[in-house]
Structures are given as C-alpha cells and as structure tokens.
Amino acid sequence: MYSSNDRVPKFIKMAVTVALAAGLAMAPLALAEEPAKSESGNKEITGEVVDLMCYVDHNAIGDKHQECGEKCIKNGGPVGIVSDGKAYIVVGQHKPMNDELAPLAGKTVTLRGKLASNGGMSMLENAEIIKK
C-alpha cells in the first residue's frame, strides 16, 4: 500500500477524492431546496394548489383532480402547495385559507409567507396569494 515516495495510502487518497466529488455533485441540490427569500424575510413559493389528503394518499394532482380537490378543500380538508416535488401545508394568519384557495385547486399560483418546518413537515404560514 505504501510506496517509497508516498506516505499516504492510495485508498485514503481515493476516499478523499470520492468524498470531495460527491460533495461537489450534491452542492447544487442543497442550494435548490430553499425557496426564494423576499425582502420582508418571507418566502415565495410557486406551485400547484392541492388537497393534501388526496395528494398524500394517492398523489392526486393536476387537471384530473381539480374538481375533487376543490370540493375537499371547500369541505375543510387541509390545503397545500406542491413545488418541485415538495409539499407545504398552507395557512393564513393562524387560520385556514381554504375559501381563498379552493377555486385554485389544480392551478399554479405563487404564495408568500413564513416558512416553518418541524418533524419533516413544512408549512407556509401567514400566507398570501401573490400571483394566480
């Protein structure tokens, strides 16, 4: 393993090279996870409005689920936004936004609010609709 003019084993050099390459390859993914931050310290998220019950249960998204999603959201089901494969629970100022978001089920919108996460769940709170 050691050569006469090399004091570091080749497998250690290889391990360091592989770790460095993996770190460089993953760096763009780490940067891409965070939604854009606005001037007020809030985040803007652009994505599809979904009924979270059907989204989590059977990945119900898009035009095919628009009518059902709107009905479930109107009936009090949890509402969310899905952006780049990540789902966020959406709430207004400590109250549901179901009435405002139900007609937008299955559509792409931009929301702004405070991003909070805990236990693997993410929430956009104090949300407001920026662009329909």
N, C-alpha and C. Protein backbone atom coordinates (compact mmCIF):
# COMPACT_ATOMS: atom_id res chain seq x y z
N MET A 1 0.79 -1.19 0.00
CA MET A 1 0.00 0.00 0.00
C MET A 1 0.83 1.26 0.00
N TYR A 2 1.94 1.21 0.65
CA TYR A 2 2.81 2.38 0.68
C TYR A 2 3.88 2.25 -0.39
N SER A 3 4.12 3.33 -1.06
CA SER A 3 5.26 3.34 -1.98
C SER A 3 6.38 4.08 -1.28
N SER A 4 7.56 3.96 -1.79
CA SER A 4 8.71 4.55 -1.12
C SER A 4 8.64 6.07 -1.07
N ASN A 5 7.99 6.70 -2.02
CA ASN A 5 7.92 8.15 -2.02
C ASN A 5 6.49 8.65 -1.77
N ASP A 6 5.65 7.83 -1.16
CA ASP A 6 4.28 8.24 -0.86
C ASP A 6 3.92 7.77 0.54
N ARG A 7 3.65 8.70 1.44
CA ARG A 7 3.37 8.35 2.83
C ARG A 7 1.87 8.19 3.10
N VAL A 8 0.98 8.57 2.16
CA VAL A 8 -0.46 8.44 2.34
C VAL A 8 -0.94 7.25 1.52
N PRO A 9 -1.64 6.31 2.17
CA PRO A 9 -2.13 5.14 1.43
C PRO A 9 -3.03 5.55 0.27
N LYS A 10 -2.98 4.78 -0.80
CA LYS A 10 -3.76 5.09 -2.00
C LYS A 10 -5.26 5.04 -1.72
N PHE A 11 -5.73 4.12 -0.88
CA PHE A 11 -7.16 4.04 -0.60
C PHE A 11 -7.65 5.29 0.14
N ILE A 12 -6.82 5.92 0.94
CA ILE A 12 -7.22 7.16 1.61
C ILE A 12 -7.33 8.28 0.59
N LYS A 13 -6.39 8.35 -0.32
CA LYS A 13 -6.45 9.36 -1.39
C LYS A 13 -7.72 9.17 -2.20
N MET A 14 -8.05 7.92 -2.52
CA MET A 14 -9.24 7.62 -3.30
C MET A 14 -10.50 8.00 -2.52
N ALA A 15 -10.54 7.68 -1.23
CA ALA A 15 -11.70 8.01 -0.41
C ALA A 15 -11.91 9.52 -0.32
N VAL A 16 -10.84 10.27 -0.16
CA VAL A 16 -10.94 11.73 -0.10
C VAL A 16 -11.42 12.27 -1.44
N THR A 17 -10.92 11.74 -2.53
CA THR A 17 -11.33 12.18 -3.87
C THR A 17 -12.80 11.91 -4.10
N VAL A 18 -13.28 10.71 -3.73
CA VAL A 18 -14.68 10.35 -3.91
C VAL A 18 -15.57 11.24 -3.04
N ALA A 19 -15.18 11.48 -1.79
CA ALA A 19 -15.98 12.32 -0.90
C ALA A 19 -16.06 13.75 -1.43
N LEU A 20 -14.96 14.28 -1.91
CA LEU A 20 -14.96 15.63 -2.46
C LEU A 20 -15.84 15.71 -3.71
N ALA A 21 -15.73 14.73 -4.59
CA ALA A 21 -16.55 14.72 -5.80
C ALA A 21 -18.04 14.63 -5.45
N ALA A 22 -18.38 13.78 -4.48
CA ALA A 22 -19.78 13.64 -4.07
C ALA A 22 -20.30 14.94 -3.48
N GLY A 23 -19.48 15.60 -2.66
CA GLY A 23 -19.88 16.86 -2.06
C GLY A 23 -20.13 17.93 -3.12
N LEU A 24 -19.27 18.00 -4.09
CA LEU A 24 -19.44 18.97 -5.18
C LEU A 24 -20.67 18.66 -6.02
N ALA A 25 -20.93 17.38 -6.23
CA ALA A 25 -22.09 16.98 -7.02
C ALA A 25 -23.40 17.30 -6.30
N MET A 26 -23.42 17.21 -4.97
CA MET A 26 -24.64 17.44 -4.19
C MET A 26 -24.87 18.91 -3.86
N ALA A 27 -23.88 19.75 -3.99
CA ALA A 27 -24.00 21.17 -3.61
C ALA A 27 -25.16 21.87 -4.30
N PRO A 28 -25.36 21.70 -5.61
CA PRO A 28 -26.50 22.38 -6.25
C PRO A 28 -27.85 21.94 -5.68
N LEU A 29 -27.97 20.68 -5.27
CA LEU A 29 -29.23 20.21 -4.69
C LEU A 29 -29.51 20.88 -3.36
N ALA A 30 -28.49 21.07 -2.56
CA ALA A 30 -28.68 21.74 -1.27
C ALA A 30 -29.09 23.19 -1.46
N LEU A 31 -28.55 23.84 -2.44
CA LEU A 31 -28.90 25.23 -2.71
C LEU A 31 -30.30 25.35 -3.29
N ALA A 32 -30.74 24.38 -4.07
CA ALA A 32 -32.02 24.46 -4.76
C ALA A 32 -33.20 24.21 -3.83
N GLU A 33 -32.99 23.60 -2.67
CA GLU A 33 -34.10 23.26 -1.79
C GLU A 33 -34.80 24.47 -1.20
N GLU A 34 -34.09 25.53 -0.95
CA GLU A 34 -34.65 26.69 -0.26
C GLU A 34 -35.41 27.57 -1.25
N PRO A 35 -36.70 27.83 -1.02
CA PRO A 35 -37.44 28.74 -1.88
C PRO A 35 -36.87 30.16 -1.81
N ALA A 36 -37.20 30.97 -2.81
CA ALA A 36 -36.68 32.33 -2.89
C ALA A 36 -37.12 33.16 -1.69
N LYS A 37 -36.20 33.94 -1.15
CA LYS A 37 -36.50 34.79 0.01
C LYS A 37 -36.80 36.19 -0.48
N SER A 38 -37.88 36.77 0.01
CA SER A 38 -38.24 38.12 -0.40
C SER A 38 -37.65 39.14 0.57
N GLU A 39 -37.85 40.40 0.26
CA GLU A 39 -37.27 41.47 1.06
C GLU A 39 -37.76 41.46 2.51
N SER A 40 -38.98 41.05 2.75
CA SER A 40 -39.56 41.11 4.09
C SER A 40 -39.16 39.91 4.96
N GLY A 41 -38.31 39.03 4.46
CA GLY A 41 -37.93 37.85 5.22
C GLY A 41 -38.84 36.67 4.98
N ASN A 42 -39.89 36.86 4.21
CA ASN A 42 -40.80 35.77 3.87
C ASN A 42 -40.29 35.06 2.63
N LYS A 43 -40.89 33.91 2.36
CA LYS A 43 -40.55 33.12 1.18
C LYS A 43 -41.67 33.19 0.17
N GLU A 44 -41.30 33.10 -1.09
CA GLU A 44 -42.28 32.97 -2.17
C GLU A 44 -42.15 31.57 -2.74
N ILE A 45 -43.28 30.89 -2.85
CA ILE A 45 -43.30 29.54 -3.41
C ILE A 45 -44.30 29.52 -4.55
N THR A 46 -43.86 29.05 -5.69
CA THR A 46 -44.73 28.88 -6.86
C THR A 46 -44.94 27.39 -7.05
N GLY A 47 -46.20 26.99 -7.11
CA GLY A 47 -46.50 25.58 -7.28
C GLY A 47 -47.99 25.36 -7.45
N GLU A 48 -48.38 24.09 -7.40
CA GLU A 48 -49.78 23.73 -7.61
C GLU A 48 -50.52 23.63 -6.27
N VAL A 49 -51.70 24.23 -6.21
CA VAL A 49 -52.56 24.13 -5.03
C VAL A 49 -53.17 22.73 -5.03
N VAL A 50 -53.05 22.04 -3.89
CA VAL A 50 -53.55 20.67 -3.79
C VAL A 50 -54.35 20.46 -2.50
N ASP A 51 -55.23 19.48 -2.57
CA ASP A 51 -55.90 18.93 -1.40
C ASP A 51 -54.91 17.93 -0.82
N LEU A 52 -54.38 18.19 0.36
CA LEU A 52 -53.31 17.35 0.90
C LEU A 52 -53.74 15.93 1.23
N MET A 53 -55.02 15.71 1.54
CA MET A 53 -55.46 14.34 1.84
C MET A 53 -55.26 13.45 0.61
N CYS A 54 -55.75 13.89 -0.55
CA CYS A 54 -55.64 13.08 -1.76
C CYS A 54 -54.22 13.09 -2.32
N TYR A 55 -53.52 14.20 -2.14
CA TYR A 55 -52.13 14.27 -2.62
C TYR A 55 -51.27 13.24 -1.89
N VAL A 56 -51.37 13.21 -0.57
CA VAL A 56 -50.54 12.28 0.21
C VAL A 56 -51.00 10.84 -0.02
N ASP A 57 -52.31 10.61 -0.07
CA ASP A 57 -52.84 9.25 -0.21
C ASP A 57 -52.56 8.63 -1.57
N HIS A 58 -52.80 9.39 -2.65
CA HIS A 58 -52.62 8.79 -3.98
C HIS A 58 -52.09 9.78 -5.02
N ASN A 59 -51.26 10.72 -4.57
CA ASN A 59 -50.56 11.65 -5.47
C ASN A 59 -51.50 12.34 -6.45
N ALA A 60 -52.67 12.75 -5.97
CA ALA A 60 -53.67 13.38 -6.82
C ALA A 60 -53.28 14.83 -7.10
N ILE A 61 -52.95 15.10 -8.36
CA ILE A 61 -52.56 16.45 -8.78
C ILE A 61 -53.10 16.70 -10.18
N GLY A 62 -53.03 17.95 -10.62
CA GLY A 62 -53.35 18.30 -11.99
C GLY A 62 -54.83 18.47 -12.27
N ASP A 63 -55.11 18.67 -13.56
CA ASP A 63 -56.47 18.92 -14.02
C ASP A 63 -57.44 17.79 -13.68
N LYS A 64 -56.96 16.53 -13.72
CA LYS A 64 -57.84 15.39 -13.45
C LYS A 64 -58.40 15.44 -12.03
N HIS A 65 -57.68 16.08 -11.12
CA HIS A 65 -58.11 16.09 -9.73
C HIS A 65 -58.63 17.47 -9.30
N GLN A 66 -58.73 18.40 -10.21
CA GLN A 66 -59.11 19.78 -9.87
C GLN A 66 -60.47 19.84 -9.18
N GLU A 67 -61.47 19.22 -9.75
CA GLU A 67 -62.82 19.29 -9.19
C GLU A 67 -62.90 18.65 -7.81
N CYS A 68 -62.31 17.47 -7.67
CA CYS A 68 -62.31 16.77 -6.37
C CYS A 68 -61.49 17.57 -5.35
N GLY A 69 -60.34 18.09 -5.77
CA GLY A 69 -59.50 18.88 -4.87
C GLY A 69 -60.23 20.11 -4.36
N GLU A 70 -60.93 20.80 -5.26
CA GLU A 70 -61.68 21.99 -4.85
C GLU A 70 -62.77 21.62 -3.84
N LYS A 71 -63.47 20.52 -4.09
CA LYS A 71 -64.53 20.08 -3.18
C LYS A 71 -63.97 19.73 -1.81
N CYS A 72 -62.86 18.99 -1.77
CA CYS A 72 -62.26 18.59 -0.49
C CYS A 72 -61.76 19.80 0.29
N ILE A 73 -61.14 20.74 -0.41
CA ILE A 73 -60.63 21.95 0.25
C ILE A 73 -61.79 22.78 0.80
N LYS A 74 -62.87 22.93 -0.01
CA LYS A 74 -64.05 23.68 0.46
C LYS A 74 -64.66 23.03 1.70
N ASN A 75 -64.59 21.70 1.78
CA ASN A 75 -65.18 20.98 2.91
C ASN A 75 -64.24 20.93 4.12
N GLY A 76 -63.14 21.66 4.07
CA GLY A 76 -62.27 21.77 5.23
C GLY A 76 -61.04 20.89 5.23
N GLY A 77 -60.81 20.15 4.14
CA GLY A 77 -59.60 19.34 4.06
C GLY A 77 -58.36 20.22 4.05
N PRO A 78 -57.24 19.71 4.51
CA PRO A 78 -56.03 20.53 4.53
C PRO A 78 -55.57 20.90 3.12
N VAL A 79 -55.18 22.16 2.96
CA VAL A 79 -54.76 22.65 1.66
C VAL A 79 -53.25 22.84 1.67
N GLY A 80 -52.64 22.61 0.53
CA GLY A 80 -51.20 22.77 0.42
C GLY A 80 -50.79 23.26 -0.94
N ILE A 81 -49.49 23.44 -1.09
CA ILE A 81 -48.91 23.80 -2.37
C ILE A 81 -47.73 22.85 -2.60
N VAL A 82 -47.63 22.35 -3.83
CA VAL A 82 -46.54 21.44 -4.19
C VAL A 82 -45.64 22.17 -5.18
N SER A 83 -44.37 22.25 -4.83
CA SER A 83 -43.38 22.93 -5.66
C SER A 83 -42.15 22.06 -5.76
N ASP A 84 -41.76 21.73 -6.97
CA ASP A 84 -40.57 20.90 -7.21
C ASP A 84 -40.58 19.61 -6.39
N GLY A 85 -41.75 18.98 -6.33
CA GLY A 85 -41.87 17.70 -5.63
C GLY A 85 -41.94 17.79 -4.12
N LYS A 86 -41.96 18.99 -3.56
CA LYS A 86 -42.06 19.16 -2.11
C LYS A 86 -43.40 19.80 -1.77
N ALA A 87 -44.09 19.24 -0.78
CA ALA A 87 -45.40 19.73 -0.39
C ALA A 87 -45.30 20.58 0.88
N TYR A 88 -46.07 21.66 0.89
CA TYR A 88 -46.13 22.58 2.03
C TYR A 88 -47.58 22.72 2.46
N ILE A 89 -47.86 22.64 3.76
CA ILE A 89 -49.17 22.98 4.30
C ILE A 89 -49.28 24.50 4.19
N VAL A 90 -50.46 25.00 3.82
CA VAL A 90 -50.65 26.45 3.69
C VAL A 90 -51.72 26.92 4.66
N VAL A 91 -51.36 27.94 5.46
CA VAL A 91 -52.34 28.56 6.37
C VAL A 91 -52.19 30.07 6.31
N GLY A 92 -53.28 30.74 6.62
CA GLY A 92 -53.24 32.21 6.68
C GLY A 92 -52.70 32.63 8.03
N GLN A 93 -53.16 33.74 8.51
CA GLN A 93 -52.72 34.22 9.82
C GLN A 93 -53.44 33.45 10.92
N HIS A 94 -52.90 32.28 11.24
CA HIS A 94 -53.43 31.36 12.26
C HIS A 94 -54.86 30.93 11.97
N LYS A 95 -55.18 30.80 10.68
CA LYS A 95 -56.49 30.29 10.27
C LYS A 95 -56.34 29.68 8.88
N PRO A 96 -57.24 28.77 8.53
CA PRO A 96 -57.19 28.15 7.21
C PRO A 96 -57.41 29.16 6.09
N MET A 97 -56.89 28.83 4.91
CA MET A 97 -57.10 29.65 3.71
C MET A 97 -57.94 28.90 2.69
N ASN A 98 -58.73 27.94 3.17
CA ASN A 98 -59.50 27.08 2.28
C ASN A 98 -60.41 27.84 1.33
N ASP A 99 -61.11 28.85 1.83
CA ASP A 99 -62.05 29.59 0.97
C ASP A 99 -61.33 30.29 -0.18
N GLU A 100 -60.16 30.86 0.11
CA GLU A 100 -59.41 31.58 -0.94
C GLU A 100 -58.74 30.63 -1.93
N LEU A 101 -58.30 29.46 -1.44
CA LEU A 101 -57.51 28.57 -2.29
C LEU A 101 -58.32 27.48 -2.98
N ALA A 102 -59.51 27.16 -2.50
CA ALA A 102 -60.32 26.10 -3.12
C ALA A 102 -60.52 26.30 -4.62
N PRO A 103 -60.89 27.51 -5.09
CA PRO A 103 -61.09 27.68 -6.53
C PRO A 103 -59.79 27.55 -7.34
N LEU A 104 -58.65 27.55 -6.65
CA LEU A 104 -57.36 27.47 -7.34
C LEU A 104 -56.78 26.05 -7.33
N ALA A 105 -57.54 25.08 -6.82
CA ALA A 105 -57.06 23.69 -6.79
C ALA A 105 -56.65 23.24 -8.19
N GLY A 106 -55.50 22.61 -8.28
CA GLY A 106 -55.01 22.12 -9.56
C GLY A 106 -54.34 23.18 -10.41
N LYS A 107 -54.28 24.40 -9.93
CA LYS A 107 -53.69 25.50 -10.70
C LYS A 107 -52.36 25.91 -10.07
N THR A 108 -51.50 26.54 -10.86
CA THR A 108 -50.22 27.03 -10.38
C THR A 108 -50.38 28.46 -9.89
N VAL A 109 -49.93 28.70 -8.67
CA VAL A 109 -50.00 30.02 -8.05
C VAL A 109 -48.67 30.33 -7.36
N THR A 110 -48.50 31.58 -6.99
CA THR A 110 -47.36 31.99 -6.18
C THR A 110 -47.89 32.50 -4.85
N LEU A 111 -47.37 31.94 -3.77
CA LEU A 111 -47.77 32.34 -2.43
C LEU A 111 -46.54 32.89 -1.70
N ARG A 112 -46.78 33.81 -0.78
CA ARG A 112 -45.71 34.35 0.05
C ARG A 112 -46.11 34.19 1.50
N GLY A 113 -45.14 33.77 2.33
CA GLY A 113 -45.39 33.62 3.75
C GLY A 113 -44.14 33.17 4.47
N LYS A 114 -44.29 32.93 5.75
CA LYS A 114 -43.17 32.47 6.58
C LYS A 114 -43.07 30.96 6.48
N LEU A 115 -41.88 30.47 6.14
CA LEU A 115 -41.66 29.04 6.02
C LEU A 115 -41.25 28.47 7.38
N ALA A 116 -41.96 27.45 7.82
CA ALA A 116 -41.63 26.76 9.08
C ALA A 116 -41.59 25.27 8.82
N SER A 117 -40.69 24.56 9.50
CA SER A 117 -40.56 23.11 9.35
C SER A 117 -40.34 22.48 10.71
N ASN A 118 -40.90 21.27 10.87
CA ASN A 118 -40.69 20.51 12.10
C ASN A 118 -41.06 19.07 11.84
N GLY A 119 -40.23 18.15 12.25
CA GLY A 119 -40.53 16.73 12.12
C GLY A 119 -40.74 16.27 10.69
N GLY A 120 -40.11 16.91 9.74
CA GLY A 120 -40.24 16.53 8.34
C GLY A 120 -41.41 17.18 7.62
N MET A 121 -42.20 17.97 8.34
CA MET A 121 -43.31 18.68 7.71
C MET A 121 -42.93 20.13 7.49
N SER A 122 -43.39 20.69 6.38
CA SER A 122 -43.13 22.10 6.08
C SER A 122 -44.45 22.84 5.93
N MET A 123 -44.46 24.08 6.40
CA MET A 123 -45.68 24.88 6.37
C MET A 123 -45.34 26.30 5.92
N LEU A 124 -46.21 26.85 5.10
CA LEU A 124 -46.14 28.25 4.73
C LEU A 124 -47.24 28.94 5.51
N GLU A 125 -46.86 29.72 6.53
CA GLU A 125 -47.86 30.36 7.38
C GLU A 125 -47.94 31.85 7.09
N ASN A 126 -49.05 32.44 7.52
CA ASN A 126 -49.34 33.84 7.22
C ASN A 126 -49.24 34.08 5.71
N ALA A 127 -49.71 33.08 4.97
CA ALA A 127 -49.58 33.09 3.51
C ALA A 127 -50.53 34.09 2.86
N GLU A 128 -50.07 34.61 1.75
CA GLU A 128 -50.91 35.48 0.93
C GLU A 128 -50.68 35.09 -0.52
N ILE A 129 -51.72 35.24 -1.32
CA ILE A 129 -51.65 34.92 -2.74
C ILE A 129 -50.99 36.10 -3.45
N ILE A 130 -49.90 35.82 -4.16
CA ILE A 130 -49.17 36.85 -4.90
C ILE A 130 -49.58 36.85 -6.36
N LYS A 131 -49.68 35.65 -6.94
CA LYS A 131 -49.99 35.55 -8.37
C LYS A 131 -50.84 34.31 -8.62
N LYS A 132 -51.98 34.53 -9.29
CA LYS A 132 -52.87 33.41 -9.64
C LYS A 132 -52.56 32.95 -11.04
